[in-house]
């Protein structure tokens, strides 16, 4: 029985990062990159039209803007699973973003294979925090 592809929308303002992640994930037969965007608000039309399973969302912005972007995506479709992408390896930052409704948090300094693991775990319905943060002794309990 053939498994259906996981439809992924990638939202990040850094072209090199987007292209690297897109190229890497496209090699996985289960993944389909359905669209890429620079700005969060510009991506909302793709969320409406393409109905992704997973949104990889850059959250390296003001927390209120990240919260708004997560809220707007989930308002369009509450079944979409959001994985936050961040430069910040702070457990507190991860906890806040997860509290906004993200199901995963992966730092941009994570090993590239961790993006694949995060997508598969979140798609199964689990929350996922990258190993870089999980290894920290002071990691607070995720919401």
N, C-alpha and C. Protein backbone atom coordinates (compact mmCIF):
# COMPACT_ATOMS: atom_id res chain seq x y z
N UNK A 1 0.84 -1.19 0.00
CA UNK A 1 0.00 0.00 0.00
C UNK A 1 0.88 1.24 0.00
N UNK A 2 0.64 2.11 -0.94
CA UNK A 2 1.44 3.32 -1.08
C UNK A 2 0.96 4.39 -0.10
N UNK A 3 1.90 4.95 0.66
CA UNK A 3 1.55 6.02 1.59
C UNK A 3 1.40 7.32 0.82
N UNK A 4 0.44 8.14 1.26
CA UNK A 4 0.24 9.42 0.59
C UNK A 4 1.38 10.36 0.95
N UNK A 5 1.62 11.31 0.06
CA UNK A 5 2.69 12.28 0.30
C UNK A 5 2.25 13.30 1.34
N UNK A 6 3.20 13.75 2.13
CA UNK A 6 2.97 14.81 3.11
C UNK A 6 3.22 16.13 2.39
N UNK A 7 2.18 16.96 2.29
CA UNK A 7 2.27 18.24 1.58
C UNK A 7 2.85 19.29 2.53
N UNK A 8 3.93 19.93 2.09
CA UNK A 8 4.67 20.87 2.94
C UNK A 8 4.72 22.24 2.28
N UNK A 9 4.39 23.26 3.07
CA UNK A 9 4.54 24.66 2.66
C UNK A 9 5.67 25.25 3.49
N UNK A 10 6.64 25.86 2.84
CA UNK A 10 7.82 26.42 3.49
C UNK A 10 7.76 27.94 3.46
N UNK A 11 7.83 28.55 4.65
CA UNK A 11 7.77 30.02 4.75
C UNK A 11 9.01 30.49 5.50
N UNK A 12 9.93 31.11 4.77
CA UNK A 12 11.16 31.63 5.36
C UNK A 12 11.71 32.72 4.46
N UNK A 13 12.22 33.78 5.06
CA UNK A 13 12.69 34.92 4.29
C UNK A 13 14.09 34.73 3.71
N UNK A 14 14.80 33.69 4.11
CA UNK A 14 16.16 33.49 3.64
C UNK A 14 16.20 32.49 2.49
N UNK A 15 16.53 32.98 1.31
CA UNK A 15 16.51 32.19 0.09
C UNK A 15 17.41 30.95 0.20
N UNK A 16 18.63 31.12 0.66
CA UNK A 16 19.56 29.99 0.75
C UNK A 16 19.00 28.90 1.66
N UNK A 17 18.46 29.29 2.80
CA UNK A 17 17.88 28.32 3.73
C UNK A 17 16.69 27.61 3.08
N UNK A 18 15.79 28.38 2.46
CA UNK A 18 14.61 27.79 1.80
C UNK A 18 15.02 26.78 0.74
N UNK A 19 15.98 27.17 -0.09
CA UNK A 19 16.41 26.28 -1.17
C UNK A 19 17.08 25.03 -0.62
N UNK A 20 17.89 25.17 0.40
CA UNK A 20 18.58 24.02 0.97
C UNK A 20 17.58 23.04 1.59
N UNK A 21 16.65 23.54 2.37
CA UNK A 21 15.65 22.68 3.00
C UNK A 21 14.74 22.06 1.94
N UNK A 22 14.31 22.86 1.00
CA UNK A 22 13.44 22.36 -0.07
C UNK A 22 14.12 21.26 -0.86
N UNK A 23 15.37 21.46 -1.25
CA UNK A 23 16.11 20.45 -2.01
C UNK A 23 16.29 19.17 -1.19
N UNK A 24 16.62 19.32 0.08
CA UNK A 24 16.81 18.16 0.94
C UNK A 24 15.50 17.38 1.11
N UNK A 25 14.43 18.08 1.43
CA UNK A 25 13.16 17.41 1.68
C UNK A 25 12.55 16.80 0.41
N UNK A 26 12.83 17.41 -0.73
CA UNK A 26 12.30 16.91 -2.00
C UNK A 26 12.86 15.54 -2.36
N UNK A 27 13.99 15.18 -1.78
CA UNK A 27 14.60 13.88 -2.04
C UNK A 27 13.87 12.75 -1.31
N UNK A 28 13.08 13.10 -0.31
CA UNK A 28 12.30 12.12 0.45
C UNK A 28 11.00 11.84 -0.31
N UNK A 29 10.76 10.60 -0.65
CA UNK A 29 9.59 10.24 -1.47
C UNK A 29 8.26 10.58 -0.80
N UNK A 30 8.23 10.61 0.53
CA UNK A 30 6.97 10.88 1.24
C UNK A 30 6.64 12.37 1.29
N UNK A 31 7.59 13.23 0.96
CA UNK A 31 7.38 14.67 1.09
C UNK A 31 7.13 15.31 -0.27
N UNK A 32 6.25 16.31 -0.26
CA UNK A 32 6.01 17.12 -1.45
C UNK A 32 6.01 18.58 -1.03
N UNK A 33 7.00 19.34 -1.50
CA UNK A 33 7.03 20.78 -1.24
C UNK A 33 6.03 21.41 -2.20
N UNK A 34 4.92 21.92 -1.68
CA UNK A 34 3.86 22.43 -2.56
C UNK A 34 4.00 23.91 -2.85
N UNK A 35 4.75 24.63 -2.01
CA UNK A 35 4.97 26.06 -2.26
C UNK A 35 6.01 26.59 -1.28
N UNK A 36 6.60 27.73 -1.64
CA UNK A 36 7.55 28.43 -0.78
C UNK A 36 7.20 29.91 -0.80
N UNK A 37 7.39 30.55 0.34
CA UNK A 37 7.13 31.98 0.44
C UNK A 37 8.17 32.67 1.30
N UNK A 38 8.35 33.94 1.03
CA UNK A 38 9.26 34.77 1.81
C UNK A 38 8.54 35.31 3.04
N UNK A 39 7.35 35.85 2.85
CA UNK A 39 6.62 36.51 3.94
C UNK A 39 5.46 35.65 4.40
N UNK A 40 5.25 35.68 5.71
CA UNK A 40 4.18 34.88 6.30
C UNK A 40 2.81 35.25 5.77
N UNK A 41 2.52 36.53 5.74
CA UNK A 41 1.18 36.94 5.33
C UNK A 41 0.92 36.67 3.86
N UNK A 42 1.95 36.71 3.03
CA UNK A 42 1.79 36.37 1.60
C UNK A 42 1.47 34.89 1.42
N UNK A 43 1.86 34.07 2.36
CA UNK A 43 1.67 32.63 2.25
C UNK A 43 0.25 32.19 2.58
N UNK A 44 -0.54 33.07 3.16
CA UNK A 44 -1.89 32.68 3.58
C UNK A 44 -2.76 32.23 2.42
N UNK A 45 -2.59 32.83 1.26
CA UNK A 45 -3.36 32.41 0.09
C UNK A 45 -3.00 30.98 -0.31
N UNK A 46 -1.72 30.63 -0.21
CA UNK A 46 -1.31 29.25 -0.49
C UNK A 46 -1.88 28.29 0.55
N UNK A 47 -1.95 28.72 1.79
CA UNK A 47 -2.54 27.89 2.83
C UNK A 47 -3.99 27.59 2.47
N UNK A 48 -4.72 28.63 2.04
CA UNK A 48 -6.13 28.46 1.66
C UNK A 48 -6.30 27.53 0.45
N UNK A 49 -5.51 27.78 -0.58
CA UNK A 49 -5.68 27.07 -1.85
C UNK A 49 -5.09 25.66 -1.84
N UNK A 50 -3.95 25.48 -1.21
CA UNK A 50 -3.20 24.23 -1.35
C UNK A 50 -3.38 23.27 -0.18
N UNK A 51 -3.93 23.76 0.92
CA UNK A 51 -4.21 22.92 2.09
C UNK A 51 -3.03 22.01 2.48
N UNK A 52 -1.93 22.60 2.91
CA UNK A 52 -0.77 21.78 3.29
C UNK A 52 -1.06 20.95 4.55
N UNK A 53 -0.31 19.86 4.69
CA UNK A 53 -0.36 19.07 5.92
C UNK A 53 0.53 19.72 6.98
N UNK A 54 1.69 20.20 6.53
CA UNK A 54 2.71 20.78 7.41
C UNK A 54 3.11 22.14 6.86
N UNK A 55 3.23 23.12 7.75
CA UNK A 55 3.82 24.42 7.40
C UNK A 55 5.10 24.57 8.20
N UNK A 56 6.21 24.75 7.48
CA UNK A 56 7.49 25.07 8.12
C UNK A 56 7.57 26.58 8.14
N UNK A 57 7.53 27.16 9.34
CA UNK A 57 7.38 28.61 9.50
C UNK A 57 8.55 29.22 10.24
N UNK A 58 9.23 30.15 9.59
CA UNK A 58 10.29 30.92 10.25
C UNK A 58 9.64 31.80 11.31
N UNK A 59 10.11 31.69 12.55
CA UNK A 59 9.56 32.49 13.65
C UNK A 59 10.59 33.47 14.22
N UNK A 60 11.63 33.76 13.45
CA UNK A 60 12.66 34.70 13.89
C UNK A 60 12.21 36.14 13.64
N UNK A 61 11.14 36.49 14.31
CA UNK A 61 10.52 37.80 14.18
C UNK A 61 9.97 38.15 15.56
N UNK A 62 9.31 39.28 15.66
CA UNK A 62 8.68 39.62 16.93
C UNK A 62 7.70 38.53 17.32
N UNK A 63 7.66 38.23 18.60
CA UNK A 63 6.77 37.16 19.07
C UNK A 63 5.31 37.44 18.72
N UNK A 64 4.91 38.70 18.75
CA UNK A 64 3.51 39.00 18.42
C UNK A 64 3.22 38.69 16.96
N UNK A 65 4.20 38.89 16.08
CA UNK A 65 4.02 38.59 14.67
C UNK A 65 4.00 37.08 14.44
N UNK A 66 4.86 36.37 15.15
CA UNK A 66 4.87 34.91 15.05
C UNK A 66 3.54 34.36 15.55
N UNK A 67 3.05 34.87 16.66
CA UNK A 67 1.76 34.43 17.21
C UNK A 67 0.65 34.70 16.21
N UNK A 68 0.68 35.87 15.59
CA UNK A 68 -0.35 36.24 14.61
C UNK A 68 -0.31 35.31 13.40
N UNK A 69 0.88 35.02 12.91
CA UNK A 69 1.02 34.14 11.74
C UNK A 69 0.50 32.74 12.07
N UNK A 70 0.87 32.21 13.23
CA UNK A 70 0.39 30.88 13.63
C UNK A 70 -1.12 30.89 13.77
N UNK A 71 -1.65 31.92 14.43
CA UNK A 71 -3.10 32.04 14.62
C UNK A 71 -3.82 32.09 13.28
N UNK A 72 -3.31 32.88 12.33
CA UNK A 72 -3.97 33.05 11.04
C UNK A 72 -3.96 31.73 10.24
N UNK A 73 -2.84 31.01 10.29
CA UNK A 73 -2.75 29.73 9.58
C UNK A 73 -3.75 28.74 10.18
N UNK A 74 -3.76 28.65 11.50
CA UNK A 74 -4.66 27.70 12.16
C UNK A 74 -6.13 28.12 12.04
N UNK A 75 -6.36 29.41 11.88
CA UNK A 75 -7.73 29.89 11.68
C UNK A 75 -8.26 29.45 10.31
N UNK A 76 -7.38 29.40 9.32
CA UNK A 76 -7.76 28.92 8.00
C UNK A 76 -8.06 27.42 8.06
N UNK A 77 -7.19 26.68 8.72
CA UNK A 77 -7.38 25.23 8.85
C UNK A 77 -6.71 24.75 10.14
N UNK A 78 -7.49 24.45 11.16
CA UNK A 78 -6.91 24.03 12.44
C UNK A 78 -6.22 22.67 12.39
N UNK A 79 -6.36 21.93 11.30
CA UNK A 79 -5.71 20.63 11.18
C UNK A 79 -4.28 20.73 10.65
N UNK A 80 -3.91 21.90 10.14
CA UNK A 80 -2.54 22.10 9.66
C UNK A 80 -1.60 22.06 10.85
N UNK A 81 -0.49 21.38 10.66
CA UNK A 81 0.52 21.27 11.72
C UNK A 81 1.68 22.20 11.38
N UNK A 82 2.03 23.04 12.33
CA UNK A 82 3.09 24.04 12.11
C UNK A 82 4.35 23.62 12.85
N UNK A 83 5.46 23.64 12.13
CA UNK A 83 6.77 23.42 12.74
C UNK A 83 7.51 24.74 12.64
N UNK A 84 7.86 25.29 13.78
CA UNK A 84 8.59 26.56 13.84
C UNK A 84 10.06 26.33 13.53
N UNK A 85 10.62 27.22 12.73
CA UNK A 85 12.04 27.22 12.39
C UNK A 85 12.66 28.46 13.01
N UNK A 86 13.73 28.29 13.76
CA UNK A 86 14.27 29.45 14.47
C UNK A 86 15.79 29.40 14.62
N UNK A 87 16.37 30.57 14.69
CA UNK A 87 17.79 30.70 15.02
C UNK A 87 18.02 30.57 16.52
N UNK A 88 16.97 30.71 17.30
CA UNK A 88 17.09 30.73 18.76
C UNK A 88 17.03 29.32 19.34
N UNK A 89 18.05 28.97 20.12
CA UNK A 89 18.07 27.66 20.75
C UNK A 89 17.70 27.76 22.23
N UNK A 90 16.77 28.63 22.51
CA UNK A 90 16.32 28.87 23.87
C UNK A 90 15.11 28.00 24.19
N UNK A 91 15.18 27.22 25.28
CA UNK A 91 14.01 26.45 25.69
C UNK A 91 12.79 27.34 25.96
N UNK A 92 13.02 28.51 26.53
CA UNK A 92 11.91 29.42 26.80
C UNK A 92 11.24 29.87 25.50
N UNK A 93 12.04 30.17 24.50
CA UNK A 93 11.51 30.58 23.19
C UNK A 93 10.69 29.44 22.58
N UNK A 94 11.21 28.24 22.64
CA UNK A 94 10.49 27.08 22.11
C UNK A 94 9.15 26.90 22.83
N UNK A 95 9.16 27.06 24.13
CA UNK A 95 7.95 26.89 24.93
C UNK A 95 6.89 27.93 24.55
N UNK A 96 7.32 29.17 24.34
CA UNK A 96 6.39 30.24 23.95
C UNK A 96 5.79 29.94 22.59
N UNK A 97 6.62 29.59 21.63
CA UNK A 97 6.13 29.32 20.27
C UNK A 97 5.19 28.11 20.26
N UNK A 98 5.53 27.09 21.02
CA UNK A 98 4.64 25.92 21.10
C UNK A 98 3.31 26.32 21.76
N UNK A 99 3.38 27.23 22.70
CA UNK A 99 2.16 27.72 23.33
C UNK A 99 1.26 28.47 22.37
N UNK A 100 1.82 29.06 21.33
CA UNK A 100 1.03 29.74 20.30
C UNK A 100 0.28 28.76 19.40
N UNK A 101 0.69 27.49 19.41
CA UNK A 101 -0.01 26.50 18.60
C UNK A 101 0.87 25.69 17.66
N UNK A 102 2.16 25.99 17.62
CA UNK A 102 3.06 25.18 16.79
C UNK A 102 3.16 23.78 17.39
N UNK A 103 3.34 22.79 16.54
CA UNK A 103 3.48 21.40 17.00
C UNK A 103 4.93 20.95 17.04
N UNK A 104 5.81 21.76 16.44
CA UNK A 104 7.22 21.42 16.43
C UNK A 104 8.07 22.67 16.48
N UNK A 105 9.32 22.48 16.92
CA UNK A 105 10.27 23.59 17.01
C UNK A 105 11.65 23.02 16.66
N UNK A 106 12.24 23.54 15.58
CA UNK A 106 13.55 23.08 15.13
C UNK A 106 14.43 24.31 14.92
N UNK A 107 15.62 24.27 15.50
CA UNK A 107 16.54 25.38 15.30
C UNK A 107 17.24 25.24 13.95
N UNK A 108 17.65 26.37 13.41
CA UNK A 108 18.33 26.37 12.12
C UNK A 108 19.77 25.90 12.25
N UNK A 109 20.19 25.61 13.47
CA UNK A 109 21.52 25.04 13.70
C UNK A 109 21.42 23.53 13.95
N UNK A 110 20.23 22.97 13.79
CA UNK A 110 20.04 21.53 13.94
C UNK A 110 20.67 20.80 12.75
N UNK A 111 20.96 19.52 12.94
CA UNK A 111 21.42 18.70 11.82
C UNK A 111 20.28 18.61 10.81
N UNK A 112 20.62 18.58 9.54
CA UNK A 112 19.59 18.65 8.50
C UNK A 112 18.62 17.48 8.57
N UNK A 113 19.05 16.31 8.96
CA UNK A 113 18.15 15.17 9.06
C UNK A 113 17.06 15.38 10.11
N UNK A 114 17.30 16.27 11.04
CA UNK A 114 16.31 16.52 12.08
C UNK A 114 15.03 17.15 11.52
N UNK A 115 15.13 17.86 10.42
CA UNK A 115 13.94 18.42 9.79
C UNK A 115 13.02 17.29 9.31
N UNK A 116 13.60 16.26 8.76
CA UNK A 116 12.84 15.11 8.30
C UNK A 116 12.18 14.41 9.49
N UNK A 117 12.92 14.19 10.54
CA UNK A 117 12.39 13.54 11.75
C UNK A 117 11.25 14.36 12.33
N UNK A 118 11.42 15.68 12.40
CA UNK A 118 10.39 16.56 12.94
C UNK A 118 9.10 16.45 12.13
N UNK A 119 9.21 16.47 10.82
CA UNK A 119 8.02 16.38 9.96
C UNK A 119 7.30 15.05 10.18
N UNK A 120 8.03 13.97 10.22
CA UNK A 120 7.40 12.66 10.40
C UNK A 120 6.74 12.53 11.77
N UNK A 121 7.37 13.04 12.81
CA UNK A 121 6.79 12.98 14.15
C UNK A 121 5.54 13.84 14.27
N UNK A 122 5.62 15.06 13.76
CA UNK A 122 4.48 15.97 13.84
C UNK A 122 3.33 15.44 12.98
N UNK A 123 3.63 14.89 11.83
CA UNK A 123 2.58 14.32 10.98
C UNK A 123 1.85 13.19 11.69
N UNK A 124 2.56 12.43 12.53
CA UNK A 124 1.94 11.34 13.30
C UNK A 124 1.06 11.86 14.45
N UNK A 125 1.14 13.18 14.72
CA UNK A 125 0.34 13.75 15.80
C UNK A 125 1.13 14.05 17.06
N UNK A 126 2.43 13.83 17.02
CA UNK A 126 3.28 14.11 18.18
C UNK A 126 3.81 15.54 18.12
N UNK A 127 4.12 16.10 19.27
CA UNK A 127 4.88 17.35 19.31
C UNK A 127 6.35 16.98 19.15
N UNK A 128 7.14 17.93 18.62
CA UNK A 128 8.55 17.65 18.41
C UNK A 128 9.39 18.88 18.74
N UNK A 129 10.39 18.67 19.57
CA UNK A 129 11.38 19.70 19.89
C UNK A 129 12.74 19.15 19.48
N UNK A 130 13.53 19.96 18.78
CA UNK A 130 14.82 19.49 18.28
C UNK A 130 15.73 19.03 19.42
N UNK A 131 16.65 18.14 19.07
CA UNK A 131 17.54 17.55 20.07
C UNK A 131 18.43 18.59 20.73
N UNK A 132 18.78 19.63 20.00
CA UNK A 132 19.63 20.70 20.57
C UNK A 132 18.99 21.28 21.83
N UNK A 133 17.71 21.48 21.81
CA UNK A 133 17.00 22.05 22.96
C UNK A 133 16.67 20.96 23.98
N UNK A 134 16.29 19.79 23.51
CA UNK A 134 15.95 18.70 24.44
C UNK A 134 17.13 18.33 25.32
N UNK A 135 18.35 18.49 24.82
CA UNK A 135 19.55 18.13 25.59
C UNK A 135 19.86 19.11 26.71
N UNK A 136 19.26 20.28 26.66
CA UNK A 136 19.54 21.29 27.69
C UNK A 136 18.91 20.85 29.02
N UNK A 137 19.67 20.97 30.07
CA UNK A 137 19.19 20.54 31.39
C UNK A 137 18.06 21.39 31.90
N UNK A 138 18.01 22.65 31.48
CA UNK A 138 17.00 23.55 32.03
C UNK A 138 15.75 23.65 31.15
N UNK A 139 15.55 22.66 30.29
CA UNK A 139 14.41 22.73 29.37
C UNK A 139 13.11 22.61 30.16
N UNK A 140 12.22 23.62 30.04
CA UNK A 140 10.94 23.55 30.75
C UNK A 140 9.99 22.60 30.06
N UNK A 141 8.96 22.24 30.76
CA UNK A 141 7.95 21.34 30.18
C UNK A 141 7.22 22.05 29.04
N UNK A 142 7.11 21.37 27.92
CA UNK A 142 6.42 21.94 26.75
C UNK A 142 4.93 21.88 27.00
N UNK A 143 4.25 22.94 26.60
CA UNK A 143 2.80 23.00 26.74
C UNK A 143 2.11 21.94 25.93
